[in-house]
Amino acid sequence: MGETELERAEKRYAQARARLLALKNRAATAARKMDTRRKVILGGALVDLAGRDQHAAAMLDRLVRNLPREQDRKAFVGWKPGDALPEDGAPGGSVAGADAGEPGLAPSSSSSSARGLP
């Protein structure tokens, strides 16, 4: 027996709702990615400024000391605003685990532009 007009309409409605939900999810993901990108850029600019300006360094020190979550404060133990990582981004000049030959820990060869970032 064939589908009735009502069944076809219900099917189209369900498909349209699924498409709408997918679009909303993609928009929310894009918004979160942009928010994270802005935070990273501003954080980098602030750290750079703090390395050159004592007032900015003092402000950054206050911000770190007043972080509400202990696990966030722990990330900054022993760190000073002027401290910089080596070019590869790892302390001591090597990627953690790369010397041991662990898979997935070597620097990625993909460029940021391939991920849609400048």
N, C-alpha and C. Protein backbone atom coordinates (compact mmCIF):
# COMPACT_ATOMS: atom_id res chain seq x y z
N MET A 1 0.82 -1.17 0.00
CA MET A 1 0.00 0.00 0.00
C MET A 1 0.88 1.25 0.00
N GLY A 2 0.55 2.27 -0.75
CA GLY A 2 1.35 3.49 -0.87
C GLY A 2 1.16 4.42 0.31
N GLU A 3 2.06 5.37 0.39
CA GLU A 3 2.00 6.38 1.44
C GLU A 3 0.84 7.33 1.19
N THR A 4 0.26 7.75 2.26
CA THR A 4 -0.79 8.76 2.11
C THR A 4 -0.12 10.14 2.06
N GLU A 5 -0.90 11.13 1.67
CA GLU A 5 -0.37 12.49 1.59
C GLU A 5 0.09 12.96 2.97
N LEU A 6 -0.63 12.60 4.01
CA LEU A 6 -0.27 12.95 5.38
C LEU A 6 1.06 12.33 5.77
N GLU A 7 1.28 11.07 5.44
CA GLU A 7 2.54 10.40 5.76
C GLU A 7 3.71 11.05 5.04
N ARG A 8 3.50 11.41 3.76
CA ARG A 8 4.56 12.08 3.00
C ARG A 8 4.88 13.44 3.62
N ALA A 9 3.85 14.17 4.03
CA ALA A 9 4.05 15.48 4.65
C ALA A 9 4.80 15.34 5.98
N GLU A 10 4.42 14.33 6.76
CA GLU A 10 5.12 14.11 8.03
C GLU A 10 6.58 13.75 7.80
N LYS A 11 6.86 12.98 6.78
CA LYS A 11 8.23 12.59 6.45
C LYS A 11 9.03 13.82 6.04
N ARG A 12 8.45 14.68 5.17
CA ARG A 12 9.13 15.91 4.75
C ARG A 12 9.37 16.82 5.94
N TYR A 13 8.40 16.89 6.85
CA TYR A 13 8.53 17.72 8.05
C TYR A 13 9.69 17.23 8.91
N ALA A 14 9.78 15.93 9.12
CA ALA A 14 10.86 15.36 9.93
C ALA A 14 12.21 15.62 9.28
N GLN A 15 12.30 15.50 7.96
CA GLN A 15 13.55 15.77 7.26
C GLN A 15 13.94 17.24 7.37
N ALA A 16 12.95 18.13 7.26
CA ALA A 16 13.22 19.57 7.37
C ALA A 16 13.70 19.91 8.79
N ARG A 17 13.07 19.30 9.79
CA ARG A 17 13.50 19.54 11.19
C ARG A 17 14.94 19.06 11.39
N ALA A 18 15.28 17.92 10.80
CA ALA A 18 16.64 17.39 10.92
C ALA A 18 17.65 18.33 10.25
N ARG A 19 17.28 18.86 9.07
CA ARG A 19 18.16 19.82 8.39
C ARG A 19 18.33 21.08 9.22
N LEU A 20 17.24 21.57 9.81
CA LEU A 20 17.29 22.76 10.65
C LEU A 20 18.19 22.53 11.86
N LEU A 21 18.04 21.39 12.51
CA LEU A 21 18.87 21.08 13.66
C LEU A 21 20.34 21.01 13.27
N ALA A 22 20.65 20.41 12.13
CA ALA A 22 22.03 20.33 11.66
C ALA A 22 22.59 21.72 11.40
N LEU A 23 21.78 22.59 10.78
CA LEU A 23 22.24 23.96 10.53
C LEU A 23 22.49 24.72 11.83
N LYS A 24 21.61 24.55 12.80
CA LYS A 24 21.80 25.21 14.10
C LYS A 24 23.06 24.71 14.78
N ASN A 25 23.30 23.41 14.71
CA ASN A 25 24.51 22.84 15.31
C ASN A 25 25.77 23.36 14.65
N ARG A 26 25.76 23.46 13.31
CA ARG A 26 26.92 24.00 12.60
C ARG A 26 27.16 25.46 12.97
N ALA A 27 26.09 26.24 13.09
CA ALA A 27 26.23 27.66 13.47
C ALA A 27 26.79 27.78 14.89
N ALA A 28 26.32 26.96 15.80
CA ALA A 28 26.82 27.00 17.19
C ALA A 28 28.29 26.59 17.24
N THR A 29 28.67 25.59 16.47
CA THR A 29 30.07 25.15 16.43
C THR A 29 30.95 26.26 15.87
N ALA A 30 30.51 26.90 14.79
CA ALA A 30 31.29 28.00 14.20
C ALA A 30 31.43 29.15 15.20
N ALA A 31 30.38 29.45 15.94
CA ALA A 31 30.44 30.54 16.93
C ALA A 31 31.42 30.20 18.05
N ARG A 32 31.42 28.94 18.52
CA ARG A 32 32.37 28.53 19.57
C ARG A 32 33.80 28.61 19.06
N LYS A 33 34.02 28.17 17.83
CA LYS A 33 35.37 28.23 17.26
C LYS A 33 35.86 29.67 17.15
N MET A 34 34.98 30.57 16.72
CA MET A 34 35.37 31.97 16.60
C MET A 34 35.66 32.57 17.97
N ASP A 35 34.84 32.22 18.97
CA ASP A 35 35.06 32.71 20.33
C ASP A 35 36.42 32.23 20.84
N THR A 36 36.74 30.96 20.63
CA THR A 36 38.02 30.42 21.05
C THR A 36 39.17 31.10 20.32
N ARG A 37 39.03 31.33 19.03
CA ARG A 37 40.07 32.00 18.24
C ARG A 37 40.32 33.40 18.77
N ARG A 38 39.26 34.13 19.08
CA ARG A 38 39.41 35.48 19.63
C ARG A 38 40.15 35.46 20.96
N LYS A 39 39.81 34.48 21.81
CA LYS A 39 40.46 34.39 23.12
C LYS A 39 41.95 34.08 22.97
N VAL A 40 42.29 33.20 22.05
CA VAL A 40 43.69 32.85 21.83
C VAL A 40 44.45 34.07 21.31
N ILE A 41 43.88 34.78 20.36
CA ILE A 41 44.54 35.96 19.80
C ILE A 41 44.74 37.03 20.88
N LEU A 42 43.67 37.32 21.64
CA LEU A 42 43.79 38.33 22.70
C LEU A 42 44.78 37.89 23.78
N GLY A 43 44.74 36.61 24.13
CA GLY A 43 45.68 36.11 25.13
C GLY A 43 47.12 36.24 24.66
N GLY A 44 47.37 35.91 23.41
CA GLY A 44 48.72 36.05 22.87
C GLY A 44 49.18 37.50 22.84
N ALA A 45 48.26 38.39 22.47
CA ALA A 45 48.60 39.82 22.44
C ALA A 45 48.89 40.32 23.85
N LEU A 46 48.10 39.87 24.83
CA LEU A 46 48.31 40.29 26.21
C LEU A 46 49.65 39.77 26.74
N VAL A 47 49.96 38.52 26.49
CA VAL A 47 51.23 37.95 26.94
C VAL A 47 52.39 38.68 26.28
N ASP A 48 52.27 38.98 25.00
CA ASP A 48 53.31 39.72 24.30
C ASP A 48 53.51 41.10 24.92
N LEU A 49 52.42 41.79 25.17
CA LEU A 49 52.49 43.11 25.80
C LEU A 49 53.10 43.01 27.19
N ALA A 50 52.70 42.00 27.96
CA ALA A 50 53.22 41.83 29.32
C ALA A 50 54.72 41.58 29.32
N GLY A 51 55.24 41.00 28.26
CA GLY A 51 56.68 40.78 28.14
C GLY A 51 57.44 42.07 27.91
N ARG A 52 56.73 43.12 27.46
CA ARG A 52 57.38 44.40 27.16
C ARG A 52 56.98 45.52 28.11
N ASP A 53 55.91 45.36 28.87
CA ASP A 53 55.37 46.45 29.67
C ASP A 53 55.12 45.96 31.10
N GLN A 54 55.75 46.64 32.08
CA GLN A 54 55.63 46.21 33.48
C GLN A 54 54.20 46.30 33.99
N HIS A 55 53.46 47.33 33.56
CA HIS A 55 52.08 47.47 34.02
C HIS A 55 51.20 46.33 33.50
N ALA A 56 51.40 45.97 32.25
CA ALA A 56 50.65 44.86 31.68
C ALA A 56 51.06 43.56 32.36
N ALA A 57 52.35 43.40 32.67
CA ALA A 57 52.82 42.20 33.36
C ALA A 57 52.20 42.10 34.74
N ALA A 58 52.10 43.23 35.45
CA ALA A 58 51.49 43.22 36.78
C ALA A 58 50.00 42.86 36.68
N MET A 59 49.33 43.41 35.67
CA MET A 59 47.92 43.11 35.49
C MET A 59 47.73 41.62 35.18
N LEU A 60 48.57 41.07 34.31
CA LEU A 60 48.49 39.66 33.96
C LEU A 60 48.75 38.79 35.19
N ASP A 61 49.72 39.19 36.01
CA ASP A 61 50.00 38.45 37.25
C ASP A 61 48.78 38.46 38.16
N ARG A 62 48.10 39.60 38.28
CA ARG A 62 46.89 39.67 39.10
C ARG A 62 45.78 38.79 38.52
N LEU A 63 45.65 38.81 37.21
CA LEU A 63 44.62 37.97 36.58
C LEU A 63 44.87 36.50 36.89
N VAL A 64 46.11 36.07 36.76
CA VAL A 64 46.45 34.66 37.00
C VAL A 64 46.21 34.32 38.47
N ARG A 65 46.65 35.18 39.39
CA ARG A 65 46.46 34.91 40.82
C ARG A 65 44.99 34.85 41.20
N ASN A 66 44.14 35.56 40.49
CA ASN A 66 42.72 35.62 40.83
C ASN A 66 41.85 34.68 39.99
N LEU A 67 42.46 33.78 39.24
CA LEU A 67 41.66 32.79 38.51
C LEU A 67 40.87 31.98 39.52
N PRO A 68 39.57 31.79 39.29
CA PRO A 68 38.75 31.12 40.30
C PRO A 68 39.01 29.62 40.43
N ARG A 69 39.46 28.99 39.36
CA ARG A 69 39.65 27.53 39.42
C ARG A 69 41.11 27.20 39.68
N GLU A 70 41.33 26.36 40.69
CA GLU A 70 42.69 25.98 41.06
C GLU A 70 43.41 25.30 39.90
N GLN A 71 42.71 24.45 39.16
CA GLN A 71 43.35 23.75 38.04
C GLN A 71 43.83 24.74 36.97
N ASP A 72 43.15 25.87 36.82
CA ASP A 72 43.60 26.90 35.88
C ASP A 72 44.84 27.60 36.42
N ARG A 73 44.86 27.90 37.71
CA ARG A 73 46.03 28.55 38.31
C ARG A 73 47.25 27.65 38.22
N LYS A 74 47.06 26.33 38.36
CA LYS A 74 48.18 25.39 38.31
C LYS A 74 48.89 25.44 36.95
N ALA A 75 48.17 25.78 35.90
CA ALA A 75 48.77 25.85 34.57
C ALA A 75 49.83 26.95 34.50
N PHE A 76 49.80 27.89 35.44
CA PHE A 76 50.71 29.02 35.41
C PHE A 76 51.79 28.96 36.49
N VAL A 77 51.86 27.86 37.24
CA VAL A 77 52.88 27.73 38.28
C VAL A 77 54.26 27.80 37.62
N GLY A 78 55.10 28.71 38.12
CA GLY A 78 56.46 28.86 37.60
C GLY A 78 56.56 29.67 36.33
N TRP A 79 55.45 30.13 35.79
CA TRP A 79 55.44 30.89 34.54
C TRP A 79 55.45 32.38 34.84
N LYS A 80 56.20 33.13 34.07
CA LYS A 80 56.22 34.59 34.16
C LYS A 80 55.84 35.14 32.80
N PRO A 81 55.22 36.31 32.75
CA PRO A 81 54.75 36.87 31.46
C PRO A 81 55.81 36.96 30.38
N GLY A 82 57.07 37.15 30.72
CA GLY A 82 58.11 37.25 29.71
C GLY A 82 58.60 35.91 29.20
N ASP A 83 58.21 34.83 29.89
CA ASP A 83 58.65 33.49 29.48
C ASP A 83 58.06 33.14 28.12
N ALA A 84 58.87 32.53 27.28
CA ALA A 84 58.37 32.09 25.97
C ALA A 84 58.80 30.65 25.75
N LEU A 85 58.00 29.95 24.99
CA LEU A 85 58.35 28.57 24.63
C LEU A 85 59.24 28.58 23.40
N PRO A 86 60.02 27.53 23.20
CA PRO A 86 60.80 27.42 21.96
C PRO A 86 59.88 27.42 20.75
N GLU A 87 60.44 27.58 19.59
CA GLU A 87 59.67 27.69 18.35
C GLU A 87 58.69 26.54 18.13
N ASP A 88 59.03 25.34 18.59
CA ASP A 88 58.12 24.20 18.36
C ASP A 88 56.99 24.17 19.40
N GLY A 89 57.02 25.08 20.37
CA GLY A 89 55.93 25.19 21.32
C GLY A 89 56.02 24.27 22.52
N ALA A 90 57.08 23.48 22.63
CA ALA A 90 57.21 22.57 23.76
C ALA A 90 58.34 23.02 24.66
N PRO A 91 58.20 22.87 25.96
CA PRO A 91 59.30 23.22 26.86
C PRO A 91 60.51 22.37 26.55
N GLY A 92 61.68 22.95 26.59
CA GLY A 92 62.91 22.20 26.37
C GLY A 92 63.23 21.96 24.91
N GLY A 93 62.42 22.47 23.99
CA GLY A 93 62.73 22.41 22.57
C GLY A 93 62.32 21.14 21.87
N SER A 94 61.61 20.22 22.53
CA SER A 94 61.16 19.02 21.83
C SER A 94 59.70 18.78 22.14
N VAL A 95 59.04 18.09 21.26
CA VAL A 95 57.65 17.77 21.47
C VAL A 95 57.58 16.59 22.42
N ALA A 96 56.74 16.69 23.43
CA ALA A 96 56.63 15.64 24.43
C ALA A 96 56.31 14.31 23.77
N GLY A 97 57.10 13.30 24.07
CA GLY A 97 56.85 11.97 23.55
C GLY A 97 57.44 11.73 22.17
N ALA A 98 57.84 12.78 21.46
CA ALA A 98 58.35 12.61 20.10
C ALA A 98 59.67 11.85 20.11
N ASP A 99 60.50 12.08 21.15
CA ASP A 99 61.77 11.38 21.23
C ASP A 99 61.57 9.89 21.43
N ALA A 100 60.47 9.52 22.07
CA ALA A 100 60.20 8.12 22.32
C ALA A 100 59.54 7.44 21.13
N GLY A 101 59.26 8.22 20.11
CA GLY A 101 58.66 7.65 18.92
C GLY A 101 57.19 7.31 19.08
N GLU A 102 56.51 7.96 20.02
CA GLU A 102 55.10 7.68 20.23
C GLU A 102 54.29 8.27 19.09
N PRO A 103 53.40 7.49 18.50
CA PRO A 103 52.61 8.00 17.39
C PRO A 103 51.66 9.09 17.84
N GLY A 104 51.45 10.05 16.95
CA GLY A 104 50.49 11.11 17.20
C GLY A 104 51.02 12.26 18.03
N LEU A 105 52.28 12.19 18.45
CA LEU A 105 52.81 13.25 19.29
C LEU A 105 53.80 14.13 18.56
N ALA A 106 54.14 13.78 17.36
CA ALA A 106 55.03 14.62 16.58
C ALA A 106 54.25 15.82 16.06
N PRO A 107 54.95 16.92 15.74
CA PRO A 107 54.24 18.09 15.23
C PRO A 107 53.49 17.75 13.96
N SER A 108 52.34 18.34 13.81
CA SER A 108 51.49 18.10 12.64
C SER A 108 52.07 18.79 11.43
N SER A 109 51.99 18.15 10.29
CA SER A 109 52.48 18.76 9.06
C SER A 109 51.39 19.53 8.35
N SER A 110 50.15 19.46 8.86
CA SER A 110 49.07 20.18 8.20
C SER A 110 49.16 21.65 8.53
N SER A 111 48.86 22.48 7.56
CA SER A 111 48.92 23.90 7.79
C SER A 111 47.63 24.38 8.40
N SER A 112 47.69 25.51 9.09
CA SER A 112 46.48 26.04 9.71
C SER A 112 45.49 26.48 8.65
N SER A 113 45.96 26.85 7.46
CA SER A 113 45.01 27.28 6.42
C SER A 113 44.18 26.11 5.92
N ALA A 114 44.71 24.89 6.06
CA ALA A 114 43.93 23.73 5.65
C ALA A 114 42.75 23.50 6.59
N ARG A 115 42.85 24.03 7.82
CA ARG A 115 41.76 23.92 8.77
C ARG A 115 40.88 25.15 8.74
N GLY A 116 41.12 26.07 7.84
CA GLY A 116 40.30 27.27 7.73
C GLY A 116 40.76 28.40 8.62
N LEU A 117 41.98 28.30 9.17
CA LEU A 117 42.52 29.36 10.00
C LEU A 117 43.61 30.08 9.24
N PRO A 118 43.76 31.38 9.48
CA PRO A 118 44.82 32.11 8.79
C PRO A 118 46.19 31.74 9.28
